[in-house]
Structure formats: structure tokens, C-alpha cells
């Protein structure tokens, strides 16, 4: 899995979908939140998701790469 550049169309689509899901959740649970707040929260969530999987990918490659001399 590769990390998508945050300013790419795919990342923007993910933020848009996440923002819509956040708005739907807030509406369902009567939480007052503006569309701008939904988008800000979605951007943070997508960036944390990307950072998490970048860390997982790094840890996986470090574990599977043999140490020198082995």
C-alpha cells in the first residue's frame, strides 16, 4: 500500500466522503457541527490514517529486512 499525496484527487475524495460521514453521524446524534468543522476533522482523520499506515509499512519492512551479516 502506498500513501497517497494529501493534495491528490484521491485524498480529496477521501476527505469529502469522510466529511459527509461525519456530518451524517453528527446529524443522527444531534451534535451541532458546521460543514467547515466536518471538513477540518476529516482532513485530520485522513492525515492520521496515512501516518498510521506509513508507520505500519515502515515497521513491516524493518522487521522483514534481515540485519547485515545474517
N, C-alpha and C. Protein backbone atom coordinates (compact mmCIF):
# COMPACT_ATOMS: atom_id res chain seq x y z
N UNK A 1 0.84 -1.17 0.00
CA UNK A 1 0.00 0.00 0.00
C UNK A 1 0.88 1.23 0.00
N UNK A 2 0.57 2.18 -0.84
CA UNK A 2 1.32 3.43 -0.87
C UNK A 2 0.48 4.56 -0.30
N UNK A 3 1.16 5.52 0.29
CA UNK A 3 0.47 6.68 0.83
C UNK A 3 0.17 7.63 -0.32
N UNK A 4 -1.06 8.05 -0.42
CA UNK A 4 -1.49 8.96 -1.46
C UNK A 4 -1.12 10.37 -1.03
N UNK A 5 -0.57 11.15 -1.95
CA UNK A 5 -0.24 12.54 -1.63
C UNK A 5 -1.49 13.26 -1.14
N UNK A 6 -1.34 14.04 -0.06
CA UNK A 6 -2.51 14.64 0.56
C UNK A 6 -3.25 15.59 -0.36
N UNK A 7 -2.55 16.19 -1.32
CA UNK A 7 -3.22 17.13 -2.22
C UNK A 7 -3.71 16.46 -3.51
N UNK A 8 -3.71 15.14 -3.55
CA UNK A 8 -4.17 14.43 -4.74
C UNK A 8 -5.69 14.36 -4.78
N UNK A 9 -6.21 14.03 -5.95
CA UNK A 9 -7.66 13.89 -6.10
C UNK A 9 -8.21 12.77 -5.21
N UNK A 10 -7.45 11.68 -5.08
CA UNK A 10 -7.92 10.56 -4.26
C UNK A 10 -8.01 10.97 -2.79
N UNK A 11 -7.04 11.70 -2.31
CA UNK A 11 -7.08 12.16 -0.92
C UNK A 11 -8.22 13.14 -0.71
N UNK A 12 -8.44 14.03 -1.66
CA UNK A 12 -9.54 14.99 -1.55
C UNK A 12 -10.89 14.25 -1.54
N UNK A 13 -11.00 13.21 -2.35
CA UNK A 13 -12.23 12.42 -2.37
C UNK A 13 -12.43 11.73 -1.03
N UNK A 14 -11.36 11.20 -0.44
CA UNK A 14 -11.45 10.54 0.86
C UNK A 14 -11.89 11.54 1.93
N UNK A 15 -11.34 12.75 1.87
CA UNK A 15 -11.73 13.79 2.83
C UNK A 15 -13.20 14.16 2.65
N UNK A 16 -13.64 14.28 1.40
CA UNK A 16 -15.03 14.62 1.13
C UNK A 16 -15.97 13.56 1.68
N UNK A 17 -15.66 12.30 1.42
CA UNK A 17 -16.50 11.20 1.92
C UNK A 17 -16.49 11.16 3.44
N UNK A 18 -15.31 11.31 4.03
CA UNK A 18 -15.22 11.31 5.49
C UNK A 18 -16.01 12.47 6.08
N UNK A 19 -15.93 13.62 5.45
CA UNK A 19 -16.66 14.79 5.91
C UNK A 19 -18.17 14.54 5.87
N UNK A 20 -18.63 13.91 4.82
CA UNK A 20 -20.06 13.59 4.71
C UNK A 20 -20.48 12.58 5.78
N UNK A 21 -19.63 11.61 6.05
CA UNK A 21 -19.94 10.62 7.08
C UNK A 21 -19.97 11.26 8.46
N UNK A 22 -19.05 12.18 8.72
CA UNK A 22 -19.03 12.89 10.00
C UNK A 22 -20.30 13.71 10.15
N UNK A 23 -20.69 14.41 9.09
CA UNK A 23 -21.91 15.22 9.13
C UNK A 23 -23.13 14.34 9.38
N UNK A 24 -23.19 13.17 8.74
CA UNK A 24 -24.31 12.26 8.94
C UNK A 24 -24.36 11.75 10.38
N UNK A 25 -23.19 11.40 10.92
CA UNK A 25 -23.12 10.93 12.30
C UNK A 25 -23.58 12.04 13.25
N UNK A 26 -23.07 13.25 13.03
CA UNK A 26 -23.45 14.38 13.89
C UNK A 26 -24.94 14.64 13.81
N UNK A 27 -25.50 14.57 12.61
CA UNK A 27 -26.93 14.79 12.44
C UNK A 27 -27.74 13.71 13.17
N UNK A 28 -27.31 12.48 13.03
CA UNK A 28 -28.02 11.35 13.66
C UNK A 28 -28.03 11.47 15.18
N UNK A 29 -26.93 11.99 15.73
CA UNK A 29 -26.80 12.08 17.19
C UNK A 29 -27.03 13.49 17.72
N UNK A 30 -27.61 14.35 16.90
CA UNK A 30 -27.95 15.72 17.29
C UNK A 30 -26.75 16.50 17.83
N UNK A 31 -25.62 16.33 17.16
CA UNK A 31 -24.40 17.06 17.53
C UNK A 31 -24.30 18.26 16.59
N UNK A 32 -24.16 19.44 17.16
CA UNK A 32 -24.06 20.65 16.35
C UNK A 32 -22.63 20.78 15.82
N UNK A 33 -22.49 20.78 14.51
CA UNK A 33 -21.18 20.90 13.87
C UNK A 33 -21.40 21.54 12.50
N UNK A 34 -20.50 22.43 12.14
CA UNK A 34 -20.63 23.12 10.84
C UNK A 34 -19.96 22.29 9.74
N UNK A 35 -20.32 22.54 8.48
CA UNK A 35 -19.64 21.84 7.39
C UNK A 35 -18.12 22.07 7.39
N UNK A 36 -17.69 23.27 7.77
CA UNK A 36 -16.24 23.55 7.83
C UNK A 36 -15.57 22.70 8.91
N UNK A 37 -16.24 22.53 10.04
CA UNK A 37 -15.69 21.69 11.10
C UNK A 37 -15.63 20.22 10.66
N UNK A 38 -16.63 19.77 9.92
CA UNK A 38 -16.63 18.40 9.39
C UNK A 38 -15.44 18.19 8.48
N UNK A 39 -15.19 19.15 7.60
CA UNK A 39 -14.06 19.01 6.67
C UNK A 39 -12.73 19.07 7.41
N UNK A 40 -12.61 19.96 8.38
CA UNK A 40 -11.36 20.02 9.16
C UNK A 40 -11.10 18.71 9.88
N UNK A 41 -12.13 18.16 10.50
CA UNK A 41 -11.99 16.89 11.20
C UNK A 41 -11.64 15.77 10.22
N UNK A 42 -12.27 15.77 9.06
CA UNK A 42 -11.99 14.75 8.05
C UNK A 42 -10.54 14.84 7.57
N UNK A 43 -10.02 16.05 7.37
CA UNK A 43 -8.63 16.22 6.95
C UNK A 43 -7.67 15.66 7.99
N UNK A 44 -7.96 15.92 9.26
CA UNK A 44 -7.13 15.39 10.35
C UNK A 44 -7.19 13.87 10.36
N UNK A 45 -8.39 13.32 10.23
CA UNK A 45 -8.54 11.86 10.24
C UNK A 45 -7.78 11.20 9.09
N UNK A 46 -7.88 11.77 7.89
CA UNK A 46 -7.19 11.20 6.73
C UNK A 46 -5.68 11.29 6.93
N UNK A 47 -5.18 12.40 7.45
CA UNK A 47 -3.73 12.52 7.65
C UNK A 47 -3.24 11.55 8.72
N UNK A 48 -4.04 11.34 9.77
CA UNK A 48 -3.65 10.37 10.80
C UNK A 48 -3.69 8.95 10.24
N UNK A 49 -4.68 8.66 9.42
CA UNK A 49 -4.77 7.35 8.76
C UNK A 49 -3.53 7.11 7.91
N UNK A 50 -3.14 8.11 7.12
CA UNK A 50 -1.96 7.96 6.28
C UNK A 50 -0.69 7.77 7.12
N UNK A 51 -0.56 8.54 8.19
CA UNK A 51 0.61 8.43 9.05
C UNK A 51 0.67 7.06 9.73
N UNK A 52 -0.48 6.56 10.17
CA UNK A 52 -0.52 5.25 10.81
C UNK A 52 -0.04 4.16 9.85
N UNK A 53 -0.58 4.17 8.63
CA UNK A 53 -0.19 3.14 7.70
C UNK A 53 1.23 3.31 7.18
N UNK A 54 1.74 4.52 7.16
CA UNK A 54 3.15 4.73 6.83
C UNK A 54 4.02 4.09 7.91
N UNK A 55 3.62 4.25 9.17
CA UNK A 55 4.34 3.63 10.27
C UNK A 55 4.27 2.11 10.23
N UNK A 56 3.10 1.59 9.92
CA UNK A 56 2.95 0.14 9.81
C UNK A 56 3.83 -0.39 8.68
N UNK A 57 3.82 0.29 7.54
CA UNK A 57 4.64 -0.14 6.40
C UNK A 57 6.13 -0.10 6.77
N UNK A 58 6.55 0.96 7.46
CA UNK A 58 7.95 1.08 7.86
C UNK A 58 8.33 -0.05 8.82
N UNK A 59 7.48 -0.29 9.82
CA UNK A 59 7.76 -1.34 10.79
C UNK A 59 7.81 -2.70 10.13
N UNK A 60 6.94 -2.93 9.17
CA UNK A 60 6.90 -4.21 8.47
C UNK A 60 8.17 -4.42 7.65
N UNK A 61 8.62 -3.38 6.96
CA UNK A 61 9.85 -3.53 6.16
C UNK A 61 11.07 -3.68 7.05
N UNK A 62 11.08 -3.02 8.22
CA UNK A 62 12.21 -3.16 9.13
C UNK A 62 12.27 -4.55 9.72
N UNK A 63 11.12 -5.12 10.01
CA UNK A 63 11.08 -6.45 10.60
C UNK A 63 11.45 -7.51 9.57
N UNK A 64 11.05 -7.31 8.31
CA UNK A 64 11.29 -8.33 7.30
C UNK A 64 12.65 -8.17 6.61
N UNK A 65 13.35 -7.09 6.88
CA UNK A 65 14.67 -6.89 6.28
C UNK A 65 15.72 -7.51 7.20
N UNK A 66 16.50 -8.48 6.69
CA UNK A 66 17.49 -9.11 7.53
C UNK A 66 18.60 -8.10 7.91
N UNK A 67 19.11 -8.25 9.11
CA UNK A 67 20.19 -7.37 9.56
C UNK A 67 21.46 -7.76 8.83
N UNK A 68 22.37 -6.81 8.65
CA UNK A 68 23.63 -7.13 7.97
C UNK A 68 24.37 -8.25 8.67
N UNK A 69 24.91 -9.15 7.90
CA UNK A 69 25.65 -10.28 8.43
C UNK A 69 24.81 -11.51 8.72
N UNK A 70 23.51 -11.44 8.42
CA UNK A 70 22.65 -12.60 8.70
C UNK A 70 22.30 -13.30 7.43
